[in-house]
Amino acid sequence: MPARPPVYPLCLVVGALLAVVAGVLHPDLAGDGAAQLTTIAQCAGWRAIHWTFLFSFPLALTGLVGLARVHAGISGENEVRAAVIVGTFAYGAWTVTVAFMGGAGWFLAHSFTVAEAGMTATRAVFLFDMIHPFALVTQRAAGFALGLSTCLFGWGLSEGKVLPRWLGTGGLAAGVVAMGLALAFREDTKADQAAFVLPVLWQVVTATVMLRSLGMRG
């Protein structure tokens, strides 16, 4: 039997993988508000994709808490504690964006496509154009915060030396790239959205290493 139950790394790997799957399946939104609403309405799995995101977030965050527990009482403890706090903010902000797009975005897209040309369709586009920038700004803040959290985790792992040092270095690198993308690119660009990619992939790798480590102790 493993020295510790594998609940936390399992939560991390499942949560991160669900986010990866949802991100891959998410359609590209391009053009003006009307074009984006049309794309949303034509995506049969739109709500399922966003619910997958939303369910993945608490799983991943639970796994990150488990990663912090591994460093309790040793070097790197303060860094991973800060990482969990910043990560909680990141996932909270990301939730706002995803919940808007999965809920209000879907409703507005449905209203736009079923309405006859006129005031109802016009209002749907107007509301989307007014609120969508708020969701994108929140997304950009979330990307930066997730990058910072990943940097802090990498720092803590490097100090604690419980897990391989390359994981700590990888976390620092992934976090720096994520923060750079969030800082350098507008929130309505693909480059800004890419800020989430490396931190989430780092979570998958870290959870896998943790599971293998538990298996070797069994």
N, C-alpha and C. Protein backbone atom coordinates (compact mmCIF):
# COMPACT_ATOMS: atom_id res chain seq x y z
N MET A 1 0.84 -1.20 0.00
CA MET A 1 0.00 0.00 0.00
C MET A 1 0.88 1.25 0.00
N PRO A 2 0.47 2.31 -0.72
CA PRO A 2 1.25 3.54 -0.70
C PRO A 2 1.26 4.16 0.67
N ALA A 3 2.32 4.93 0.95
CA ALA A 3 2.43 5.60 2.24
C ALA A 3 1.33 6.64 2.40
N ARG A 4 0.91 7.26 1.31
CA ARG A 4 -0.16 8.24 1.36
C ARG A 4 -1.24 7.83 0.36
N PRO A 5 -2.51 8.13 0.66
CA PRO A 5 -3.56 7.83 -0.32
C PRO A 5 -3.36 8.68 -1.57
N PRO A 6 -3.64 8.10 -2.75
CA PRO A 6 -3.39 8.84 -4.00
C PRO A 6 -4.51 9.78 -4.40
N VAL A 7 -5.36 10.17 -3.44
CA VAL A 7 -6.52 10.98 -3.79
C VAL A 7 -6.10 12.31 -4.41
N TYR A 8 -5.13 12.98 -3.79
CA TYR A 8 -4.75 14.31 -4.27
C TYR A 8 -4.13 14.29 -5.66
N PRO A 9 -3.14 13.44 -5.92
CA PRO A 9 -2.61 13.41 -7.29
C PRO A 9 -3.62 12.94 -8.31
N LEU A 10 -4.54 12.06 -7.91
CA LEU A 10 -5.59 11.64 -8.84
C LEU A 10 -6.50 12.81 -9.19
N CYS A 11 -6.86 13.60 -8.18
CA CYS A 11 -7.68 14.78 -8.44
C CYS A 11 -6.95 15.74 -9.38
N LEU A 12 -5.66 15.90 -9.18
CA LEU A 12 -4.89 16.83 -10.00
C LEU A 12 -4.81 16.35 -11.44
N VAL A 13 -4.51 15.08 -11.64
CA VAL A 13 -4.36 14.59 -13.01
C VAL A 13 -5.70 14.56 -13.73
N VAL A 14 -6.78 14.17 -13.04
CA VAL A 14 -8.10 14.15 -13.68
C VAL A 14 -8.55 15.57 -13.99
N GLY A 15 -8.40 16.47 -13.03
CA GLY A 15 -8.81 17.86 -13.25
C GLY A 15 -8.05 18.50 -14.39
N ALA A 16 -6.73 18.32 -14.42
CA ALA A 16 -5.93 18.93 -15.48
C ALA A 16 -6.26 18.32 -16.84
N LEU A 17 -6.44 16.99 -16.89
CA LEU A 17 -6.77 16.35 -18.16
C LEU A 17 -8.14 16.76 -18.68
N LEU A 18 -9.09 16.94 -17.77
CA LEU A 18 -10.41 17.42 -18.20
C LEU A 18 -10.30 18.81 -18.81
N ALA A 19 -9.47 19.67 -18.22
CA ALA A 19 -9.26 21.01 -18.77
C ALA A 19 -8.62 20.93 -20.15
N VAL A 20 -7.69 20.00 -20.33
CA VAL A 20 -7.04 19.82 -21.63
C VAL A 20 -8.07 19.38 -22.68
N VAL A 21 -8.89 18.40 -22.32
CA VAL A 21 -9.91 17.90 -23.26
C VAL A 21 -10.89 19.00 -23.63
N ALA A 22 -11.36 19.74 -22.64
CA ALA A 22 -12.29 20.82 -22.91
C ALA A 22 -11.66 21.89 -23.79
N GLY A 23 -10.39 22.20 -23.53
CA GLY A 23 -9.70 23.19 -24.34
C GLY A 23 -9.54 22.76 -25.79
N VAL A 24 -9.26 21.47 -25.99
CA VAL A 24 -9.10 20.95 -27.35
C VAL A 24 -10.42 20.98 -28.11
N LEU A 25 -11.52 20.66 -27.42
CA LEU A 25 -12.83 20.60 -28.06
C LEU A 25 -13.47 21.97 -28.24
N HIS A 26 -12.99 22.96 -27.54
CA HIS A 26 -13.60 24.29 -27.60
C HIS A 26 -13.40 24.89 -28.99
N PRO A 27 -14.47 25.33 -29.64
CA PRO A 27 -14.32 25.91 -30.98
C PRO A 27 -13.67 27.29 -30.92
N ASP A 28 -13.02 27.66 -31.99
CA ASP A 28 -12.43 29.00 -32.08
C ASP A 28 -13.54 30.03 -32.31
N LEU A 29 -13.48 31.11 -31.56
CA LEU A 29 -14.43 32.20 -31.74
C LEU A 29 -13.73 33.34 -32.46
N ALA A 30 -14.20 33.66 -33.62
CA ALA A 30 -13.58 34.72 -34.43
C ALA A 30 -14.67 35.61 -35.02
N GLY A 31 -14.26 36.80 -35.41
CA GLY A 31 -15.20 37.72 -36.03
C GLY A 31 -15.91 38.59 -35.03
N ASP A 32 -16.98 39.24 -35.48
CA ASP A 32 -17.74 40.13 -34.61
C ASP A 32 -18.67 39.34 -33.70
N GLY A 33 -19.45 40.07 -32.89
CA GLY A 33 -20.33 39.40 -31.95
C GLY A 33 -21.31 38.46 -32.60
N ALA A 34 -21.88 38.87 -33.75
CA ALA A 34 -22.85 38.03 -34.44
C ALA A 34 -22.21 36.73 -34.91
N ALA A 35 -20.99 36.82 -35.45
CA ALA A 35 -20.30 35.62 -35.91
C ALA A 35 -19.98 34.68 -34.74
N GLN A 36 -19.58 35.24 -33.63
CA GLN A 36 -19.25 34.41 -32.48
C GLN A 36 -20.49 33.74 -31.90
N LEU A 37 -21.59 34.47 -31.83
CA LEU A 37 -22.83 33.86 -31.35
C LEU A 37 -23.30 32.74 -32.27
N THR A 38 -23.10 32.92 -33.55
CA THR A 38 -23.45 31.86 -34.50
C THR A 38 -22.61 30.61 -34.27
N THR A 39 -21.31 30.81 -34.05
CA THR A 39 -20.42 29.68 -33.77
C THR A 39 -20.83 28.95 -32.51
N ILE A 40 -21.17 29.72 -31.47
CA ILE A 40 -21.60 29.11 -30.21
C ILE A 40 -22.87 28.29 -30.42
N ALA A 41 -23.83 28.85 -31.13
CA ALA A 41 -25.10 28.17 -31.35
C ALA A 41 -24.93 26.89 -32.17
N GLN A 42 -23.95 26.88 -33.06
CA GLN A 42 -23.73 25.72 -33.92
C GLN A 42 -22.90 24.63 -33.25
N CYS A 43 -22.34 24.91 -32.09
CA CYS A 43 -21.53 23.93 -31.36
C CYS A 43 -22.44 23.11 -30.45
N ALA A 44 -22.72 21.88 -30.84
CA ALA A 44 -23.65 21.04 -30.08
C ALA A 44 -23.14 20.74 -28.67
N GLY A 45 -21.84 20.71 -28.51
CA GLY A 45 -21.28 20.37 -27.20
C GLY A 45 -20.85 21.57 -26.39
N TRP A 46 -21.35 22.75 -26.73
CA TRP A 46 -20.90 23.96 -26.07
C TRP A 46 -21.05 23.90 -24.55
N ARG A 47 -22.25 23.57 -24.10
CA ARG A 47 -22.49 23.53 -22.65
C ARG A 47 -21.69 22.41 -21.99
N ALA A 48 -21.59 21.26 -22.65
CA ALA A 48 -20.82 20.14 -22.08
C ALA A 48 -19.34 20.52 -21.94
N ILE A 49 -18.81 21.22 -22.93
CA ILE A 49 -17.41 21.66 -22.87
C ILE A 49 -17.18 22.56 -21.66
N HIS A 50 -18.10 23.50 -21.45
CA HIS A 50 -17.92 24.45 -20.35
C HIS A 50 -18.18 23.82 -18.99
N TRP A 51 -19.10 22.87 -18.93
CA TRP A 51 -19.27 22.14 -17.68
C TRP A 51 -18.05 21.29 -17.37
N THR A 52 -17.41 20.76 -18.41
CA THR A 52 -16.17 20.01 -18.19
C THR A 52 -15.10 20.90 -17.59
N PHE A 53 -14.96 22.10 -18.13
CA PHE A 53 -14.05 23.07 -17.53
C PHE A 53 -14.39 23.31 -16.06
N LEU A 54 -15.65 23.60 -15.80
CA LEU A 54 -16.07 23.99 -14.45
C LEU A 54 -15.87 22.85 -13.45
N PHE A 55 -16.12 21.62 -13.87
CA PHE A 55 -15.90 20.49 -12.97
C PHE A 55 -14.41 20.20 -12.78
N SER A 56 -13.60 20.56 -13.77
CA SER A 56 -12.16 20.28 -13.67
C SER A 56 -11.48 21.19 -12.66
N PHE A 57 -11.98 22.41 -12.50
CA PHE A 57 -11.30 23.38 -11.65
C PHE A 57 -11.20 22.95 -10.19
N PRO A 58 -12.30 22.56 -9.52
CA PRO A 58 -12.15 22.14 -8.12
C PRO A 58 -11.31 20.88 -7.96
N LEU A 59 -11.34 19.99 -8.96
CA LEU A 59 -10.50 18.80 -8.89
C LEU A 59 -9.02 19.18 -8.93
N ALA A 60 -8.67 20.05 -9.88
CA ALA A 60 -7.27 20.47 -9.99
C ALA A 60 -6.81 21.21 -8.75
N LEU A 61 -7.67 22.08 -8.23
CA LEU A 61 -7.29 22.85 -7.05
C LEU A 61 -7.13 21.94 -5.84
N THR A 62 -7.98 20.93 -5.71
CA THR A 62 -7.82 19.95 -4.64
C THR A 62 -6.46 19.25 -4.76
N GLY A 63 -6.11 18.88 -5.98
CA GLY A 63 -4.82 18.24 -6.19
C GLY A 63 -3.65 19.15 -5.83
N LEU A 64 -3.77 20.43 -6.13
CA LEU A 64 -2.71 21.38 -5.79
C LEU A 64 -2.58 21.54 -4.27
N VAL A 65 -3.69 21.47 -3.56
CA VAL A 65 -3.63 21.49 -2.09
C VAL A 65 -2.84 20.27 -1.59
N GLY A 66 -3.07 19.12 -2.23
CA GLY A 66 -2.32 17.93 -1.87
C GLY A 66 -0.83 18.09 -2.13
N LEU A 67 -0.49 18.77 -3.22
CA LEU A 67 0.91 19.04 -3.52
C LEU A 67 1.52 19.92 -2.43
N ALA A 68 0.74 20.86 -1.92
CA ALA A 68 1.22 21.71 -0.84
C ALA A 68 1.42 20.90 0.45
N ARG A 69 0.54 19.92 0.70
CA ARG A 69 0.66 19.10 1.91
C ARG A 69 1.97 18.33 1.94
N VAL A 70 2.44 17.94 0.76
CA VAL A 70 3.70 17.19 0.69
C VAL A 70 4.86 18.02 1.24
N HIS A 71 4.74 19.35 1.15
CA HIS A 71 5.82 20.24 1.57
C HIS A 71 5.59 20.86 2.94
N ALA A 72 4.61 20.36 3.66
CA ALA A 72 4.35 20.90 5.00
C ALA A 72 5.52 20.60 5.93
N GLY A 73 6.01 21.65 6.59
CA GLY A 73 7.06 21.48 7.57
C GLY A 73 8.47 21.35 7.00
N ILE A 74 8.64 21.55 5.70
CA ILE A 74 9.97 21.44 5.10
C ILE A 74 10.25 22.70 4.28
N SER A 75 11.44 22.78 3.71
CA SER A 75 11.79 23.91 2.87
C SER A 75 10.82 24.00 1.70
N GLY A 76 10.44 25.20 1.36
CA GLY A 76 9.50 25.42 0.28
C GLY A 76 8.06 25.51 0.72
N GLU A 77 7.80 25.33 2.03
CA GLU A 77 6.43 25.35 2.53
C GLU A 77 5.76 26.69 2.28
N ASN A 78 6.43 27.78 2.55
CA ASN A 78 5.83 29.10 2.37
C ASN A 78 5.50 29.37 0.91
N GLU A 79 6.38 28.93 0.02
CA GLU A 79 6.15 29.16 -1.41
C GLU A 79 4.93 28.40 -1.92
N VAL A 80 4.78 27.15 -1.52
CA VAL A 80 3.64 26.38 -2.01
C VAL A 80 2.34 26.85 -1.37
N ARG A 81 2.41 27.34 -0.13
CA ARG A 81 1.21 27.91 0.48
C ARG A 81 0.75 29.14 -0.30
N ALA A 82 1.69 29.99 -0.64
CA ALA A 82 1.35 31.16 -1.46
C ALA A 82 0.82 30.72 -2.82
N ALA A 83 1.39 29.66 -3.36
CA ALA A 83 0.95 29.15 -4.66
C ALA A 83 -0.51 28.71 -4.62
N VAL A 84 -0.91 28.06 -3.53
CA VAL A 84 -2.31 27.62 -3.40
C VAL A 84 -3.25 28.82 -3.32
N ILE A 85 -2.84 29.85 -2.59
CA ILE A 85 -3.69 31.04 -2.46
C ILE A 85 -3.85 31.72 -3.82
N VAL A 86 -2.74 31.93 -4.52
CA VAL A 86 -2.81 32.57 -5.83
C VAL A 86 -3.56 31.67 -6.82
N GLY A 87 -3.34 30.36 -6.72
CA GLY A 87 -4.05 29.43 -7.60
C GLY A 87 -5.55 29.45 -7.37
N THR A 88 -5.96 29.62 -6.12
CA THR A 88 -7.40 29.72 -5.82
C THR A 88 -8.00 30.94 -6.50
N PHE A 89 -7.27 32.07 -6.45
CA PHE A 89 -7.73 33.26 -7.16
C PHE A 89 -7.80 33.00 -8.66
N ALA A 90 -6.79 32.32 -9.20
CA ALA A 90 -6.74 32.05 -10.64
C ALA A 90 -7.94 31.23 -11.08
N TYR A 91 -8.23 30.17 -10.36
CA TYR A 91 -9.35 29.33 -10.76
C TYR A 91 -10.69 30.02 -10.51
N GLY A 92 -10.75 30.88 -9.50
CA GLY A 92 -11.97 31.64 -9.29
C GLY A 92 -12.25 32.59 -10.44
N ALA A 93 -11.20 33.29 -10.89
CA ALA A 93 -11.36 34.20 -12.03
C ALA A 93 -11.68 33.44 -13.31
N TRP A 94 -11.03 32.32 -13.51
CA TRP A 94 -11.28 31.49 -14.69
C TRP A 94 -12.71 30.98 -14.69
N THR A 95 -13.23 30.66 -13.50
CA THR A 95 -14.61 30.19 -13.38
C THR A 95 -15.59 31.25 -13.87
N VAL A 96 -15.33 32.52 -13.54
CA VAL A 96 -16.21 33.60 -13.97
C VAL A 96 -16.31 33.62 -15.50
N THR A 97 -15.17 33.52 -16.16
CA THR A 97 -15.15 33.55 -17.62
C THR A 97 -15.91 32.37 -18.21
N VAL A 98 -15.60 31.18 -17.72
CA VAL A 98 -16.20 29.97 -18.28
C VAL A 98 -17.70 29.92 -17.98
N ALA A 99 -18.09 30.34 -16.78
CA ALA A 99 -19.51 30.33 -16.43
C ALA A 99 -20.29 31.30 -17.31
N PHE A 100 -19.72 32.47 -17.59
CA PHE A 100 -20.39 33.42 -18.47
C PHE A 100 -20.59 32.83 -19.86
N MET A 101 -19.51 32.27 -20.42
CA MET A 101 -19.60 31.75 -21.78
C MET A 101 -20.51 30.52 -21.86
N GLY A 102 -20.47 29.68 -20.83
CA GLY A 102 -21.30 28.48 -20.85
C GLY A 102 -22.76 28.76 -20.55
N GLY A 103 -23.03 29.82 -19.80
CA GLY A 103 -24.41 30.13 -19.44
C GLY A 103 -24.99 31.26 -20.27
N ALA A 104 -24.56 32.49 -19.96
CA ALA A 104 -25.10 33.65 -20.68
C ALA A 104 -24.74 33.61 -22.16
N GLY A 105 -23.51 33.18 -22.47
CA GLY A 105 -23.11 33.10 -23.88
C GLY A 105 -24.00 32.18 -24.68
N TRP A 106 -24.31 31.02 -24.11
CA TRP A 106 -25.17 30.06 -24.78
C TRP A 106 -26.59 30.61 -24.93
N PHE A 107 -27.13 31.23 -23.89
CA PHE A 107 -28.47 31.79 -23.94
C PHE A 107 -28.57 32.89 -25.00
N LEU A 108 -27.57 33.77 -25.03
CA LEU A 108 -27.59 34.85 -26.02
C LEU A 108 -27.45 34.29 -27.44
N ALA A 109 -26.64 33.26 -27.61
CA ALA A 109 -26.48 32.65 -28.93
C ALA A 109 -27.79 32.02 -29.39
N HIS A 110 -28.47 31.36 -28.47
CA HIS A 110 -29.76 30.75 -28.80
C HIS A 110 -30.78 31.83 -29.17
N SER A 111 -30.82 32.89 -28.39
CA SER A 111 -31.74 33.99 -28.68
C SER A 111 -31.43 34.62 -30.03
N PHE A 112 -30.17 34.74 -30.35
CA PHE A 112 -29.76 35.37 -31.60
C PHE A 112 -30.17 34.52 -32.81
N THR A 113 -29.99 33.21 -32.71
CA THR A 113 -30.23 32.35 -33.88
C THR A 113 -31.71 32.03 -34.09
N VAL A 114 -32.50 31.98 -33.02
CA VAL A 114 -33.92 31.63 -33.19
C VAL A 114 -34.78 32.86 -33.47
N ALA A 115 -34.23 34.03 -33.19
CA ALA A 115 -35.02 35.25 -33.37
C ALA A 115 -35.05 35.66 -34.84
N GLU A 116 -36.14 36.25 -35.23
CA GLU A 116 -36.19 36.85 -36.55
C GLU A 116 -35.34 38.11 -36.55
N ALA A 117 -34.88 38.47 -37.71
CA ALA A 117 -34.07 39.69 -37.81
C ALA A 117 -34.85 40.86 -37.22
N GLY A 118 -34.27 41.52 -36.29
CA GLY A 118 -34.98 42.62 -35.64
C GLY A 118 -34.39 42.88 -34.28
N MET A 119 -35.22 43.39 -33.38
CA MET A 119 -34.74 43.88 -32.10
C MET A 119 -34.19 42.76 -31.22
N THR A 120 -34.82 41.57 -31.21
CA THR A 120 -34.36 40.50 -30.31
C THR A 120 -32.94 40.08 -30.66
N ALA A 121 -32.67 39.84 -31.94
CA ALA A 121 -31.33 39.46 -32.38
C ALA A 121 -30.34 40.59 -32.13
N THR A 122 -30.76 41.81 -32.39
CA THR A 122 -29.89 42.96 -32.19
C THR A 122 -29.51 43.11 -30.73
N ARG A 123 -30.48 42.92 -29.85
CA ARG A 123 -30.22 43.03 -28.41
C ARG A 123 -29.28 41.93 -27.94
N ALA A 124 -29.44 40.72 -28.48
CA ALA A 124 -28.56 39.62 -28.09
C ALA A 124 -27.11 39.95 -28.44
N VAL A 125 -26.89 40.45 -29.63
CA VAL A 125 -25.53 40.82 -30.04
C VAL A 125 -25.01 41.98 -29.18
N PHE A 126 -25.88 42.95 -28.92
CA PHE A 126 -25.47 44.10 -28.11
C PHE A 126 -25.03 43.66 -26.72
N LEU A 127 -25.84 42.81 -26.07
CA LEU A 127 -25.49 42.35 -24.73
C LEU A 127 -24.19 41.54 -24.74
N PHE A 128 -24.03 40.70 -25.73
CA PHE A 128 -22.81 39.90 -25.83
C PHE A 128 -21.59 40.80 -26.00
N ASP A 129 -21.71 41.78 -26.88
CA ASP A 129 -20.59 42.70 -27.14
C ASP A 129 -20.25 43.54 -25.91
N MET A 130 -21.25 43.82 -25.07
CA MET A 130 -21.00 44.62 -23.89
C MET A 130 -20.37 43.82 -22.75
N ILE A 131 -20.77 42.55 -22.61
CA ILE A 131 -20.35 41.76 -21.45
C ILE A 131 -19.13 40.89 -21.76
N HIS A 132 -18.99 40.45 -23.00
CA HIS A 132 -17.90 39.56 -23.36
C HIS A 132 -16.52 40.15 -23.03
N PRO A 133 -16.27 41.45 -23.26
CA PRO A 133 -14.96 41.99 -22.88
C PRO A 133 -14.63 41.82 -21.40
N PHE A 134 -15.65 41.92 -20.53
CA PHE A 134 -15.42 41.68 -19.10
C PHE A 134 -14.93 40.26 -18.86
N ALA A 135 -15.56 39.30 -19.55
CA ALA A 135 -15.14 37.90 -19.39
C ALA A 135 -13.71 37.70 -19.88
N LEU A 136 -13.35 38.36 -20.96
CA LEU A 136 -12.00 38.22 -21.50
C LEU A 136 -10.96 38.84 -20.57
N VAL A 137 -11.29 39.99 -19.98
CA VAL A 137 -10.37 40.62 -19.03
C VAL A 137 -10.16 39.71 -17.83
N THR A 138 -11.23 39.12 -17.34
CA THR A 138 -11.13 38.18 -16.22
C THR A 138 -10.28 36.98 -16.60
N GLN A 139 -10.44 36.51 -17.82
CA GLN A 139 -9.64 35.39 -18.30
C GLN A 139 -8.15 35.74 -18.33
N ARG A 140 -7.84 36.94 -18.76
CA ARG A 140 -6.44 37.36 -18.81
C ARG A 140 -5.83 37.42 -17.42
N ALA A 141 -6.59 37.95 -16.47
CA ALA A 141 -6.12 37.99 -15.08
C ALA A 141 -5.91 36.58 -14.54
N ALA A 142 -6.82 35.67 -14.90
CA ALA A 142 -6.70 34.29 -14.46
C ALA A 142 -5.45 33.63 -15.03
N GLY A 143 -5.16 33.89 -16.30
CA GLY A 143 -3.98 33.32 -16.92
C GLY A 143 -2.70 33.79 -16.24
N PHE A 144 -2.65 35.08 -15.93
CA PHE A 144 -1.47 35.62 -15.24
C PHE A 144 -1.34 35.00 -13.85
N ALA A 145 -2.46 34.92 -13.12
CA ALA A 145 -2.43 34.37 -11.77
C ALA A 145 -2.05 32.90 -11.77
N LEU A 146 -2.54 32.13 -12.74
CA LEU A 146 -2.18 30.71 -12.80
C LEU A 146 -0.69 30.56 -13.11
N GLY A 147 -0.17 31.46 -13.95
CA GLY A 147 1.27 31.43 -14.21
C GLY A 147 2.07 31.74 -12.96
N LEU A 148 1.65 32.75 -12.21
CA LEU A 148 2.35 33.10 -10.97
C LEU A 148 2.27 31.95 -9.97
N SER A 149 1.10 31.34 -9.86
CA SER A 149 0.94 30.20 -8.96
C SER A 149 1.89 29.06 -9.35
N THR A 150 1.99 28.80 -10.64
CA THR A 150 2.87 27.73 -11.12
C THR A 150 4.33 28.06 -10.82
N CYS A 151 4.70 29.32 -10.97
CA CYS A 151 6.06 29.76 -10.60
C CYS A 151 6.34 29.48 -9.12
N LEU A 152 5.39 29.84 -8.28
CA LEU A 152 5.56 29.64 -6.84
C LEU A 152 5.65 28.15 -6.49
N PHE A 153 4.83 27.34 -7.16
CA PHE A 153 4.94 25.89 -6.94
C PHE A 153 6.31 25.39 -7.38
N GLY A 154 6.78 25.85 -8.53
CA GLY A 154 8.09 25.44 -8.99
C GLY A 154 9.18 25.83 -8.02
N TRP A 155 9.09 27.03 -7.48
CA TRP A 155 10.04 27.51 -6.48
C TRP A 155 10.00 26.60 -5.24
N GLY A 156 8.79 26.32 -4.77
CA GLY A 156 8.65 25.48 -3.59
C GLY A 156 9.18 24.08 -3.81
N LEU A 157 8.91 23.50 -4.99
CA LEU A 157 9.41 22.16 -5.29
C LEU A 157 10.93 22.14 -5.35
N SER A 158 11.51 23.20 -5.91
CA SER A 158 12.97 23.27 -5.98
C SER A 158 13.59 23.35 -4.59
N GLU A 159 12.91 24.08 -3.68
CA GLU A 159 13.42 24.21 -2.32
C GLU A 159 13.20 22.92 -1.51
N GLY A 160 12.04 22.30 -1.69
CA GLY A 160 11.70 21.14 -0.87
C GLY A 160 12.43 19.87 -1.24
N LYS A 161 12.71 19.69 -2.53
CA LYS A 161 13.47 18.53 -3.02
C LYS A 161 12.80 17.20 -2.70
N VAL A 162 11.48 17.22 -2.50
CA VAL A 162 10.73 15.98 -2.31
C VAL A 162 10.47 15.31 -3.65
N LEU A 163 10.17 16.11 -4.64
CA LEU A 163 9.95 15.64 -6.00
C LEU A 163 11.16 16.01 -6.85
N PRO A 164 11.29 15.42 -8.03
CA PRO A 164 12.46 15.71 -8.87
C PRO A 164 12.66 17.20 -9.11
N ARG A 165 13.93 17.62 -9.09
CA ARG A 165 14.25 19.03 -9.24
C ARG A 165 13.77 19.58 -10.58
N TRP A 166 13.76 18.73 -11.62
CA TRP A 166 13.33 19.22 -12.93
C TRP A 166 11.87 19.64 -12.94
N LEU A 167 11.06 19.08 -12.03
CA LEU A 167 9.68 19.52 -11.92
C LEU A 167 9.61 20.97 -11.42
N GLY A 168 10.47 21.28 -10.46
CA GLY A 168 10.51 22.65 -9.97
C GLY A 168 10.97 23.61 -11.04
N THR A 169 12.00 23.23 -11.77
CA THR A 169 12.49 24.08 -12.86
C THR A 169 11.43 24.23 -13.94
N GLY A 170 10.76 23.13 -14.25
CA GLY A 170 9.69 23.19 -15.26
C GLY A 170 8.54 24.07 -14.84
N GLY A 171 8.20 24.04 -13.54
CA GLY A 171 7.14 24.91 -13.05
C GLY A 171 7.51 26.37 -13.15
N LEU A 172 8.75 26.68 -12.80
CA LEU A 172 9.21 28.07 -12.93
C LEU A 172 9.15 28.54 -14.38
N ALA A 173 9.63 27.69 -15.30
CA ALA A 173 9.64 28.06 -16.72
C ALA A 173 8.22 28.21 -17.26
N ALA A 174 7.34 27.24 -16.93
CA ALA A 174 5.96 27.30 -17.42
C ALA A 174 5.25 28.53 -16.89
N GLY A 175 5.48 28.85 -15.63
CA GLY A 175 4.84 30.01 -15.04
C GLY A 175 5.31 31.32 -15.64
N VAL A 176 6.62 31.42 -15.88
CA VAL A 176 7.16 32.65 -16.48
C VAL A 176 6.59 32.86 -17.88
N VAL A 177 6.53 31.79 -18.67
CA VAL A 177 5.97 31.91 -20.02
C VAL A 177 4.50 32.32 -19.96
N ALA A 178 3.75 31.71 -19.04
CA ALA A 178 2.32 32.04 -18.91
C ALA A 178 2.13 33.50 -18.53
N MET A 179 2.88 33.99 -17.57
CA MET A 179 2.77 35.38 -17.16
C MET A 179 3.17 36.31 -18.30
N GLY A 180 4.21 35.92 -19.03
CA GLY A 180 4.64 36.74 -20.16
C GLY A 180 3.58 36.85 -21.23
N LEU A 181 2.91 35.73 -21.54
CA LEU A 181 1.85 35.76 -22.54
C LEU A 181 0.68 36.64 -22.08
N ALA A 182 0.31 36.50 -20.80
CA ALA A 182 -0.80 37.30 -20.27
C ALA A 182 -0.47 38.78 -20.26
N LEU A 183 0.79 39.11 -20.03
CA LEU A 183 1.19 40.51 -19.99
C LEU A 183 1.34 41.11 -21.39
N ALA A 184 1.85 40.32 -22.31
CA ALA A 184 2.26 40.86 -23.61
C ALA A 184 1.13 40.94 -24.64
N PHE A 185 0.11 40.11 -24.49
CA PHE A 185 -0.91 40.03 -25.54
C PHE A 185 -2.28 40.44 -25.03
N ARG A 186 -3.05 41.02 -25.92
CA ARG A 186 -4.41 41.43 -25.59
C ARG A 186 -5.26 40.22 -25.21
N GLU A 187 -6.28 40.49 -24.41
CA GLU A 187 -7.11 39.40 -23.91
C GLU A 187 -7.97 38.73 -24.97
N ASP A 188 -8.10 39.35 -26.15
CA ASP A 188 -8.90 38.77 -27.22
C ASP A 188 -8.05 38.04 -28.26
N THR A 189 -6.83 37.67 -27.89
CA THR A 189 -5.94 36.97 -28.82
C THR A 189 -5.73 35.52 -28.38
N LYS A 190 -5.36 34.67 -29.33
CA LYS A 190 -5.06 33.27 -29.02
C LYS A 190 -3.81 33.16 -28.16
N ALA A 191 -2.86 34.06 -28.38
CA ALA A 191 -1.63 34.03 -27.59
C ALA A 191 -1.92 34.23 -26.10
N ASP A 192 -2.85 35.11 -25.80
CA ASP A 192 -3.21 35.32 -24.40
C ASP A 192 -3.88 34.08 -23.82
N GLN A 193 -4.75 33.44 -24.58
CA GLN A 193 -5.40 32.21 -24.12
C GLN A 193 -4.39 31.09 -23.90
N ALA A 194 -3.28 31.12 -24.66
CA ALA A 194 -2.25 30.10 -24.52
C ALA A 194 -1.55 30.16 -23.18
N ALA A 195 -1.79 31.23 -22.40
CA ALA A 195 -1.16 31.34 -21.08
C ALA A 195 -1.55 30.18 -20.17
N PHE A 196 -2.69 29.55 -20.42
CA PHE A 196 -3.15 28.45 -19.57
C PHE A 196 -2.49 27.13 -19.92
N VAL A 197 -1.95 27.01 -21.10
CA VAL A 197 -1.54 25.71 -21.63
C VAL A 197 -0.41 25.09 -20.80
N LEU A 198 0.70 25.78 -20.66
CA LEU A 198 1.86 25.20 -19.98
C LEU A 198 1.59 24.91 -18.50
N PRO A 199 0.94 25.82 -17.74
CA PRO A 199 0.64 25.48 -16.34
C PRO A 199 -0.23 24.22 -16.20
N VAL A 200 -1.23 24.06 -17.07
CA VAL A 200 -2.08 22.88 -16.98
C VAL A 200 -1.31 21.62 -17.35
N LEU A 201 -0.48 21.69 -18.39
CA LEU A 201 0.33 20.54 -18.76
C LEU A 201 1.33 20.20 -17.64
N TRP A 202 1.85 21.23 -16.99
CA TRP A 202 2.74 20.98 -15.85
C TRP A 202 2.01 20.25 -14.74
N GLN A 203 0.75 20.58 -14.53
CA GLN A 203 -0.03 19.87 -13.52
C GLN A 203 -0.19 18.39 -13.87
N VAL A 204 -0.42 18.10 -15.14
CA VAL A 204 -0.55 16.70 -15.57
C VAL A 204 0.75 15.94 -15.28
N VAL A 205 1.87 16.53 -15.65
CA VAL A 205 3.16 15.88 -15.43
C VAL A 205 3.44 15.70 -13.94
N THR A 206 3.17 16.74 -13.16
CA THR A 206 3.43 16.68 -11.72
C THR A 206 2.58 15.61 -11.05
N ALA A 207 1.31 15.55 -11.40
CA ALA A 207 0.43 14.54 -10.81
C ALA A 207 0.89 13.14 -11.18
N THR A 208 1.33 12.96 -12.42
CA THR A 208 1.82 11.65 -12.85
C THR A 208 3.05 11.23 -12.06
N VAL A 209 3.97 12.17 -11.84
CA VAL A 209 5.17 11.87 -11.05
C VAL A 209 4.78 11.53 -9.61
N MET A 210 3.83 12.25 -9.05
CA MET A 210 3.39 11.98 -7.69
C MET A 210 2.79 10.58 -7.57
N LEU A 211 1.97 10.20 -8.55
CA LEU A 211 1.37 8.87 -8.53
C LEU A 211 2.41 7.78 -8.64
N ARG A 212 3.38 7.97 -9.51
CA ARG A 212 4.45 6.99 -9.66
C ARG A 212 5.27 6.89 -8.38
N SER A 213 5.49 8.04 -7.74
CA SER A 213 6.24 8.04 -6.49
C SER A 213 5.50 7.27 -5.41
N LEU A 214 4.19 7.44 -5.33
CA LEU A 214 3.39 6.70 -4.36
C LEU A 214 3.42 5.21 -4.65
N GLY A 215 3.38 4.87 -5.94
CA GLY A 215 3.41 3.47 -6.32
C GLY A 215 4.71 2.79 -5.93
N MET A 216 5.82 3.51 -6.07
CA MET A 216 7.12 2.95 -5.73
C MET A 216 7.28 2.76 -4.23
N ARG A 217 6.51 3.56 -3.44
CA ARG A 217 6.60 3.41 -1.98
C ARG A 217 5.72 2.28 -1.47
N GLY A 218 4.80 1.80 -2.34
CA GLY A 218 3.86 0.80 -1.89
C GLY A 218 4.51 -0.58 -1.68
